[in-house]
């Protein structure tokens, strides 16, 4: 499948939100299954889609974030958002999503490779990406591992007060 990666433009926001919410549905279903329900409901009291839509809107509008979209079959089928820290020379793949109808065709890998090349050209020497350890994030972990990312195990615990 031929994919073009282009800079994000404001008029593409609705398409990016739509594909993101579709892409993250199985992820949030998985998180809900592995996380304490009371904690999950504290994180997402109004439904995860509300907070995730706001997160996508915020990242697409953020001055300190660079966003690109993947276009295939005349549609926006994915996006990646990148942040740079010039003091530490570390780039971060902050957000990435691929429409479920187009997953499994290398689009996530293409977006991630594009972001890596762009960050290297921008002078970054290290790149970080965070993802979940739950089953819903397994495809993301496979993509990052395939591209040579190394895992730093971190334990993050939550408890409802």
Protein backbone atom coordinates (compact mmCIF):
# COMPACT_ATOMS: atom_id res chain seq x y z
CA UNK A 1 0.00 0.00 0.00
CA UNK A 2 1.41 3.35 -1.02
CA UNK A 3 1.44 5.92 1.77
CA UNK A 4 2.36 9.59 1.68
CA UNK A 5 3.38 11.36 4.87
CA UNK A 6 2.65 15.08 4.89
CA UNK A 7 2.62 17.87 7.48
CA UNK A 8 -0.67 18.07 9.37
CA UNK A 9 -2.98 20.96 8.48
CA UNK A 10 -5.73 22.34 10.72
CA UNK A 11 -8.55 21.34 8.35
CA UNK A 12 -7.53 17.68 8.89
CA UNK A 13 -8.35 17.71 12.61
CA UNK A 14 -11.72 15.94 12.36
CA UNK A 15 -10.22 13.11 10.30
CA UNK A 16 -7.32 12.71 12.75
CA UNK A 17 -9.70 12.63 15.72
CA UNK A 18 -11.99 10.13 14.00
CA UNK A 19 -9.22 7.67 13.09
CA UNK A 20 -7.61 8.04 16.52
CA UNK A 21 -10.77 7.20 18.42
CA UNK A 22 -11.36 4.21 16.17
CA UNK A 23 -7.75 3.07 16.56
CA UNK A 24 -7.72 3.43 20.33
CA UNK A 25 -11.04 1.68 21.03
CA UNK A 26 -9.42 -1.76 21.52
CA UNK A 27 -6.62 -0.14 23.50
CA UNK A 28 -8.99 1.45 26.00
CA UNK A 29 -11.05 -1.75 26.18
CA UNK A 30 -7.83 -3.52 27.14
CA UNK A 31 -6.81 -0.87 29.68
CA UNK A 32 -10.22 -1.09 31.32
CA UNK A 33 -9.81 -4.86 31.70
CA UNK A 34 -6.37 -4.68 33.31
CA UNK A 35 -6.84 -1.56 35.46
CA UNK A 36 -8.78 -1.32 38.70
CA UNK A 37 -12.26 -0.17 37.63
CA UNK A 38 -12.45 2.62 40.24
CA UNK A 39 -9.11 4.02 39.06
CA UNK A 40 -10.15 3.71 35.41
CA UNK A 41 -13.35 5.63 36.11
CA UNK A 42 -11.36 8.38 37.85
CA UNK A 43 -9.14 8.72 34.79
CA UNK A 44 -12.06 8.63 32.36
CA UNK A 45 -15.20 9.79 34.21
CA UNK A 46 -16.97 11.02 31.06
CA UNK A 47 -15.88 8.19 28.75
CA UNK A 48 -12.31 7.89 27.48
CA UNK A 49 -13.33 9.28 24.07
CA UNK A 50 -13.92 12.74 25.58
CA UNK A 51 -10.46 13.00 27.12
CA UNK A 52 -8.73 11.43 24.13
CA UNK A 53 -10.44 13.77 21.68
CA UNK A 54 -9.23 16.70 23.77
CA UNK A 55 -5.73 15.19 23.90
CA UNK A 56 -5.64 14.91 20.10
CA UNK A 57 -6.99 18.44 19.68
CA UNK A 58 -4.38 19.76 22.12
CA UNK A 59 -1.46 17.92 20.54
CA UNK A 60 -2.44 19.02 17.03
CA UNK A 61 -2.59 22.66 18.19
CA UNK A 62 0.50 22.63 20.43
CA UNK A 63 3.31 24.99 19.42
CA UNK A 64 5.96 22.55 20.72
CA UNK A 65 4.68 19.57 18.72
CA UNK A 66 5.22 18.57 15.11
CA UNK A 67 2.43 16.50 13.55
CA UNK A 68 2.26 14.58 10.26
CA UNK A 69 -0.52 12.60 8.63
CA UNK A 70 -0.34 9.44 6.56
CA UNK A 71 -2.44 9.51 3.42
CA UNK A 72 -3.43 6.37 1.52
CA UNK A 73 -6.34 5.67 -0.78
CA UNK A 74 -7.05 9.45 -0.80
CA UNK A 75 -7.78 9.40 2.94
CA UNK A 76 -5.98 10.28 6.15
CA UNK A 77 -5.22 6.87 7.60
CA UNK A 78 -2.80 7.72 10.41
CA UNK A 79 -0.86 10.39 12.20
CA UNK A 80 2.21 10.89 14.36
CA UNK A 81 3.04 13.70 16.79
CA UNK A 82 6.61 14.45 17.85
CA UNK A 83 8.12 16.63 20.57
CA UNK A 84 11.76 17.67 20.81
CA UNK A 85 13.83 18.58 23.87
CA UNK A 86 16.88 20.43 22.59
CA UNK A 87 18.47 20.58 26.07
CA UNK A 88 18.66 16.80 26.35
CA UNK A 89 18.75 16.12 22.58
CA UNK A 90 15.87 13.73 23.11
CA UNK A 91 12.90 13.42 20.81
CA UNK A 92 9.62 11.83 21.79
CA UNK A 93 7.04 10.12 19.67
CA UNK A 94 4.20 11.56 21.66
CA UNK A 95 1.20 10.13 19.87
CA UNK A 96 0.68 7.81 16.92
CA UNK A 97 -2.42 6.10 15.54
CA UNK A 98 -3.49 4.23 12.42
CA UNK A 99 -7.09 3.75 11.33
CA UNK A 100 -8.12 0.14 12.08
CA UNK A 101 -9.14 -0.42 8.45
CA UNK A 102 -5.52 0.24 7.44
CA UNK A 103 -3.63 -1.45 10.29
CA UNK A 104 -1.28 -4.28 9.44
CA UNK A 105 -0.03 -2.64 6.24
CA UNK A 106 3.10 -0.97 7.65
CA UNK A 107 1.60 2.50 8.09
CA UNK A 108 2.50 2.70 11.78
CA UNK A 109 6.02 1.60 10.94
CA UNK A 110 6.25 4.17 8.12
CA UNK A 111 5.04 6.97 10.42
CA UNK A 112 7.47 5.93 13.16
CA UNK A 113 10.41 5.68 10.71
CA UNK A 114 9.51 9.08 9.30
CA UNK A 115 9.47 10.56 12.81
CA UNK A 116 12.82 8.93 13.66
CA UNK A 117 14.48 10.33 10.53
CA UNK A 118 13.01 13.77 11.15
CA UNK A 119 14.22 13.81 14.77
CA UNK A 120 17.71 12.70 13.74
CA UNK A 121 17.82 15.48 11.14
CA UNK A 122 16.68 17.90 13.88
CA UNK A 123 19.75 16.99 15.94
CA UNK A 124 18.24 14.60 18.45
CA UNK A 125 20.48 11.75 19.66
CA UNK A 126 17.91 9.69 21.59
CA UNK A 127 14.23 8.98 20.97
CA UNK A 128 11.63 7.88 23.47
CA UNK A 129 8.16 6.46 23.02
CA UNK A 130 5.82 5.28 25.76
CA UNK A 131 3.14 2.65 25.39
CA UNK A 132 1.17 0.29 27.56
CA UNK A 133 2.10 -3.21 28.63
CA UNK A 134 -1.48 -4.46 28.28
CA UNK A 135 -2.64 -6.68 25.40
CA UNK A 136 -4.26 -3.75 23.57
CA UNK A 137 -0.87 -2.10 23.11
CA UNK A 138 0.86 -5.25 21.77
CA UNK A 139 0.83 -4.05 18.12
CA UNK A 140 2.49 -0.78 19.14
CA UNK A 141 5.15 -2.62 21.14
CA UNK A 142 5.88 -4.88 18.15
CA UNK A 143 6.32 -1.85 15.90
CA UNK A 144 8.74 -0.14 18.29
CA UNK A 145 10.74 -3.29 18.96
CA UNK A 146 10.94 -4.03 15.21
CA UNK A 147 12.47 -0.57 14.73
CA UNK A 148 15.11 -1.16 17.41
CA UNK A 149 13.64 0.53 20.48
CA UNK A 150 14.81 -0.99 23.74
CA UNK A 151 12.44 -1.44 26.67
CA UNK A 152 13.10 0.22 30.02
CA UNK A 153 10.83 -1.65 32.45
CA UNK A 154 8.97 0.79 34.67
CA UNK A 155 6.38 -0.14 37.25
CA UNK A 156 3.63 2.47 37.64
CA UNK A 157 1.05 1.69 40.28
CA UNK A 158 -2.37 3.31 40.82
CA UNK A 159 -4.78 3.23 43.72
CA UNK A 160 -8.11 5.00 44.13
CA UNK A 161 -8.26 7.06 47.33
